[in-house]
Protein backbone atom coordinates (compact mmCIF):
# COMPACT_ATOMS: atom_id res chain seq x y z
CA MET A 1 188.79 99.54 101.67
CA PRO A 2 186.35 96.62 102.16
CA ARG A 3 186.98 93.50 100.11
CA THR A 4 183.79 91.45 100.51
CA ALA A 5 180.14 92.43 100.65
CA LEU A 6 176.89 90.62 101.37
CA VAL A 7 173.77 92.31 99.97
CA LEU A 8 170.47 91.20 101.48
CA GLY A 9 167.38 92.18 99.52
CA GLY A 10 163.74 92.72 100.40
CA GLY A 11 161.09 90.02 100.37
CA GLY A 12 158.81 90.17 103.37
CA LEU A 13 158.83 87.72 106.26
CA THR A 14 159.35 84.81 103.89
CA GLY A 15 162.37 86.62 102.48
CA ILE A 16 163.82 86.91 105.98
CA GLY A 17 163.44 83.17 106.46
CA TRP A 18 164.80 82.26 103.04
CA GLU A 19 167.89 84.45 103.39
CA ALA A 20 168.61 83.03 106.85
CA GLY A 21 168.26 79.53 105.40
CA ILE A 22 170.64 80.20 102.52
CA ILE A 23 173.22 81.64 104.91
CA LYS A 24 172.83 78.71 107.33
CA GLY A 25 173.12 76.10 104.57
CA LEU A 26 176.30 77.70 103.23
CA ALA A 27 177.79 78.02 106.72
CA ASP A 28 177.15 74.32 107.31
CA GLU A 29 179.48 73.66 104.36
CA GLY A 30 182.18 76.04 105.51
CA VAL A 31 181.18 79.18 103.57
CA ASP A 32 180.38 81.82 106.16
CA LEU A 33 178.85 84.90 104.55
CA SER A 34 178.50 86.52 107.96
CA THR A 35 182.20 87.38 107.75
CA ALA A 36 181.55 89.92 104.98
CA ASP A 37 183.36 93.22 105.41
CA VAL A 38 180.18 95.06 104.35
CA VAL A 39 176.57 93.97 104.93
CA VAL A 40 173.85 95.87 103.06
CA GLY A 41 170.24 95.34 104.12
CA THR A 42 167.05 96.48 102.43
CA SER A 43 163.63 95.84 104.00
CA ALA A 44 163.62 92.14 104.93
CA GLY A 45 167.36 92.18 104.33
CA SER A 46 167.80 94.88 106.94
CA VAL A 47 166.38 92.49 109.54
CA VAL A 48 168.69 89.69 108.43
CA GLY A 49 171.63 92.08 108.34
CA ALA A 50 170.95 93.24 111.90
CA LEU A 51 170.63 89.65 113.10
CA LEU A 52 173.64 88.35 111.23
CA THR A 53 175.96 91.03 112.57
CA THR A 54 174.88 90.63 116.20
CA ARG A 55 174.59 86.86 116.74
CA PRO A 56 175.83 83.49 115.40
CA VAL A 57 174.47 82.13 112.12
CA ASP A 58 173.02 79.06 113.84
CA GLN A 59 171.01 81.23 116.21
CA VAL A 60 169.73 83.42 113.37
CA TYR A 61 168.45 80.36 111.54
CA GLU A 62 166.90 78.72 114.60
CA GLU A 63 164.95 81.89 115.35
CA GLN A 64 163.44 81.80 111.86
CA VAL A 65 162.17 78.23 112.05
CA GLN A 66 160.43 78.80 115.39
CA PRO A 67 156.69 79.64 115.46
CA PRO A 68 156.43 83.42 114.96
CA SER A 69 154.45 84.08 118.13
CA ARG A 70 155.42 87.76 118.51
CA GLU A 71 155.16 88.80 114.88
CA LEU A 72 152.73 91.37 113.51
CA GLY A 73 151.84 89.98 110.12
CA ALA A 74 149.60 91.30 107.40
CA PRO A 75 147.11 88.44 106.96
CA ASP A 76 145.02 90.40 104.45
CA TYR A 77 147.99 91.40 102.30
CA ARG A 78 147.50 90.84 98.59
CA ARG A 79 149.80 91.87 95.79
CA SER A 80 146.90 93.83 94.31
CA MET A 81 147.17 96.17 97.31
CA MET A 82 150.34 97.52 95.77
CA LEU A 83 148.68 98.50 92.49
CA PRO A 84 148.32 102.20 93.51
CA LEU A 85 152.11 102.33 93.63
CA VAL A 86 152.64 101.11 90.07
CA PRO A 87 151.76 104.33 88.17
CA ARG A 88 154.02 106.31 90.50
CA MET A 89 156.86 103.92 89.71
CA LEU A 90 156.35 103.83 85.95
CA PHE A 91 155.25 107.37 85.07
CA PRO A 92 158.22 109.22 83.53
CA ALA A 93 160.11 111.29 86.07
CA ALA A 94 163.44 111.48 87.84
CA SER A 95 164.03 108.63 90.26
CA ARG A 96 163.77 110.86 93.30
CA THR A 97 160.47 112.29 92.06
CA ARG A 98 159.08 108.79 91.66
CA ARG A 99 160.10 107.91 95.18
CA ARG A 100 158.52 111.12 96.49
CA ARG A 101 155.26 110.07 94.84
CA LEU A 102 155.48 106.68 96.56
CA GLY A 103 156.07 108.47 99.84
CA GLY A 104 152.98 110.56 99.23
CA VAL A 105 150.89 107.42 98.79
CA ALA A 106 152.32 106.01 102.02
CA LEU A 107 151.59 109.18 103.99
CA ARG A 108 148.02 109.32 102.71
CA ALA A 109 147.43 105.67 103.59
CA HIS A 110 148.59 105.94 107.22
CA PRO A 111 149.63 108.71 109.58
CA PRO A 112 153.42 108.58 109.97
CA GLY A 113 154.93 107.34 113.20
CA GLY A 114 154.87 103.56 113.08
CA LEU A 115 155.36 103.08 116.83
CA GLU A 116 153.70 99.66 116.87
CA ARG A 117 155.90 98.51 114.00
CA VAL A 118 159.00 99.84 115.74
CA GLU A 119 158.22 97.63 118.73
CA VAL A 120 157.69 94.62 116.47
CA ILE A 121 161.10 95.23 114.91
CA ARG A 122 162.61 95.64 118.38
CA SER A 123 161.32 92.19 119.36
CA ARG A 124 162.40 90.78 115.99
CA ILE A 125 166.05 91.81 116.14
CA GLY A 126 166.47 91.86 119.91
CA VAL A 127 169.13 94.58 120.02
CA ASP A 128 169.11 98.37 120.09
CA GLU A 129 172.76 99.17 119.48
CA TRP A 130 174.55 98.99 116.16
CA PRO A 131 177.18 96.25 115.88
CA ASP A 132 180.82 97.16 115.48
CA ARG A 133 180.52 96.19 111.83
CA ASP A 134 179.99 97.95 108.52
CA LEU A 135 176.23 97.41 108.38
CA ARG A 136 174.33 99.62 105.94
CA ILE A 137 170.52 99.89 106.14
CA THR A 138 168.57 101.53 103.30
CA ALA A 139 165.41 103.65 103.46
CA VAL A 140 163.66 106.46 101.57
CA ASN A 141 162.61 109.86 102.91
CA ALA A 142 158.84 109.79 102.33
CA GLU A 143 158.57 113.58 101.95
CA THR A 144 161.47 114.25 99.58
CA GLY A 145 162.15 110.90 97.92
CA GLU A 146 165.78 111.06 99.03
CA PHE A 147 167.48 107.66 99.25
CA VAL A 148 169.17 107.20 102.61
CA THR A 149 171.71 104.72 103.91
CA PHE A 150 171.80 104.45 107.69
CA THR A 151 174.99 103.28 109.42
CA ARG A 152 176.25 103.23 112.98
CA ASP A 153 177.54 106.77 112.37
CA SER A 154 174.14 108.18 111.32
CA GLY A 155 172.92 109.04 114.81
CA VAL A 156 169.87 106.78 114.37
CA ASP A 157 169.32 103.75 116.60
CA LEU A 158 169.36 100.37 114.88
CA VAL A 159 165.73 99.52 115.65
CA HIS A 160 164.38 102.67 113.99
CA ALA A 161 166.70 102.25 111.00
CA VAL A 162 165.47 98.70 110.40
CA ALA A 163 161.84 99.67 111.01
CA ALA A 164 162.14 102.46 108.45
CA SER A 165 163.68 100.09 105.91
CA CYS A 166 160.74 97.69 106.44
CA ALA A 167 157.98 100.31 106.19
CA VAL A 168 156.19 98.97 103.10
CA PRO A 169 153.94 101.75 101.71
CA ILE A 170 150.18 101.22 102.10
CA VAL A 171 150.73 98.12 104.23
CA TRP A 172 152.59 99.84 107.09
CA PRO A 173 152.92 103.48 108.17
CA ALA A 174 156.06 105.46 107.48
CA VAL A 175 158.45 105.38 110.44
CA SER A 176 159.31 108.77 111.93
CA ILE A 177 162.92 109.51 112.85
CA ASP A 178 163.52 113.01 114.25
CA ASP A 179 160.11 114.02 112.81
CA THR A 180 161.06 112.84 109.31
CA PRO A 181 158.98 109.97 107.88
CA TYR A 182 160.81 107.14 106.11
CA ILE A 183 159.57 104.26 103.99
CA ASP A 184 160.93 100.96 102.72
CA GLY A 185 164.37 101.11 101.09
CA GLY A 186 163.00 98.73 98.47
CA MET A 187 161.14 101.67 96.91
CA ARG A 188 164.43 102.50 95.22
CA SER A 189 165.52 98.94 94.48
CA THR A 190 164.73 95.54 95.95
CA THR A 191 168.44 95.03 96.72
CA ASN A 192 170.26 98.39 96.38
CA ALA A 193 173.32 96.35 95.46
CA ASP A 194 175.28 99.44 94.45
CA VAL A 195 175.44 100.51 98.09
CA ALA A 196 178.28 97.96 98.18
CA SER A 197 180.08 99.65 95.30
CA ASP A 198 183.27 100.10 97.33
CA ALA A 199 183.83 96.37 97.95
CA GLU A 200 186.88 95.43 95.93
CA ASP A 201 186.76 91.65 95.50
CA VAL A 202 183.36 89.97 95.75
CA VAL A 203 179.70 90.90 96.22
CA VAL A 204 177.14 88.20 96.99
CA VAL A 205 173.50 89.23 96.56
CA LEU A 206 170.59 87.31 98.08
CA ALA A 207 167.45 88.56 96.34
CA PRO A 208 164.10 87.04 97.38
CA LEU A 209 162.30 89.48 95.03
CA PRO A 210 164.74 90.22 92.19
CA HIS A 211 162.39 92.09 89.84
CA ALA A 212 162.99 95.72 88.89
CA VAL A 213 160.72 98.39 87.41
CA SER A 214 163.49 100.13 85.50
CA ARG A 215 166.84 99.34 83.93
CA SER A 216 168.70 101.50 86.43
CA THR A 217 167.37 99.49 89.38
CA ARG A 218 168.13 96.06 87.95
CA ILE A 219 170.57 94.06 90.03
CA SER A 220 172.85 93.60 87.02
CA THR A 221 172.93 97.35 86.37
CA GLN A 222 173.68 98.13 89.99
CA LEU A 223 176.42 95.53 90.14
CA GLY A 224 177.90 97.15 87.06
CA ARG A 225 178.49 100.19 89.25
CA CYS A 226 180.41 98.10 91.78
CA ARG A 227 184.16 97.72 91.59
CA ALA A 228 184.25 94.10 92.81
CA GLU A 229 185.77 91.58 90.42
CA ARG A 230 183.28 88.83 91.28
CA HIS A 231 179.49 88.96 91.67
CA VAL A 232 177.11 86.16 92.63
CA VAL A 233 173.34 86.66 92.69
CA VAL A 234 171.07 84.09 94.33
CA THR A 235 167.30 84.13 93.78
CA PRO A 236 164.66 81.65 94.99
CA ASP A 237 164.19 78.46 93.00
CA LYS A 238 160.75 76.98 92.32
CA ARG A 239 160.50 75.14 95.61
CA SER A 240 161.56 78.18 97.58
CA LEU A 241 159.07 80.37 95.74
CA ALA A 242 156.32 77.85 96.47
CA SER A 243 157.15 78.07 100.17
CA PHE A 244 156.61 81.86 100.04
CA GLY A 245 152.99 81.39 98.99
CA SER A 246 150.93 84.36 97.83
CA ASN A 247 151.53 86.44 100.96
CA VAL A 248 155.17 87.18 101.71
CA LEU A 249 154.07 89.01 104.88
CA ASP A 250 152.48 85.93 106.44
CA PRO A 251 154.55 84.98 109.53
CA ALA A 252 153.36 81.38 109.33
CA ARG A 253 155.19 80.98 106.02
CA ARG A 254 158.58 82.03 107.36
CA PRO A 255 159.74 78.68 108.88
CA ASP A 256 159.14 76.76 105.65
CA ALA A 257 160.88 79.48 103.64
CA ALA A 258 163.89 79.18 105.97
CA ARG A 259 164.04 75.41 105.50
CA GLU A 260 163.79 75.74 101.72
CA GLY A 261 166.55 78.34 101.73
CA ARG A 262 168.79 75.97 103.65
CA ARG A 263 168.06 73.24 101.10
CA GLN A 264 168.67 75.56 98.14
CA ALA A 265 172.05 76.57 99.54
CA GLY A 266 173.38 73.24 98.32
CA ASP A 267 172.62 74.22 94.72
CA VAL A 268 174.60 77.46 94.87
CA LEU A 269 177.34 76.29 97.22
CA GLU A 270 180.12 75.74 94.72
CA GLU A 271 179.59 79.01 92.87
CA ILE A 272 179.64 81.01 96.07
CA ARG A 273 182.51 79.00 97.54
CA ALA A 274 184.61 79.70 94.46
CA ALA A 275 184.02 83.43 94.71
CA TRP A 276 184.18 83.75 98.51
CA THR A 277 187.24 81.61 99.12
CA ALA A 278 189.14 83.22 96.26
CA VAL A 279 189.58 86.18 98.56
CA ALA A 280 192.56 85.77 100.84
CA ARG A 281 191.16 86.21 104.34
């Protein structure tokens, strides 16, 4: 049974940078979250999870503060673009039905496939094979609304799993895996913290976008379904949020978000150290 879990939430390219910065800042002070028994990644967090389980923390951070020359950003992204999704999220229905509605919006906005995005993700994470770690990547079946957790035992390559988890409806096309289209795992929850429900001792959640549209998808509610004795949730402070700007999908914002995450790590260090080091390694 796993003892520790690191949950990495969604938050665009700036969220990737910020999470990498938090992890780097903590590692600099001797708290290495990359040693977690379980790593759960949703959307941006799936990228960080793939990176963190396949290369050293220092390298992960350095990649985020470099100019994003190979990134495919969404320069015209505005939060108002997501407004068509809101009624589908709020209109009364079972959770799976709501997610199926979101999938329908995604499939109408773009033909499924996402081959260009898959190649961007391939260049972003730099590996095709799953690590020999308990890495869990979340996504949603766009046709049925089923919530899916991909692992190394799912028969899906890592690049496609991460690309599916990052397929933000309307902005990007659904990613096809064995002719099934998948969208962003954040359409269930921005963190999906309860995917780490089997961790026994401590769950640390990094949540660039902590907001929820329902009580059941709140981080606190999901952590209530986890057996771990200790929970720590880290969200961006004012300076980190300012570094995100208005477009979390702007690659140019990622380096500053990473630097602010590294700075903010100092503010949460002692709380996380107390929880993480309480576990006998």
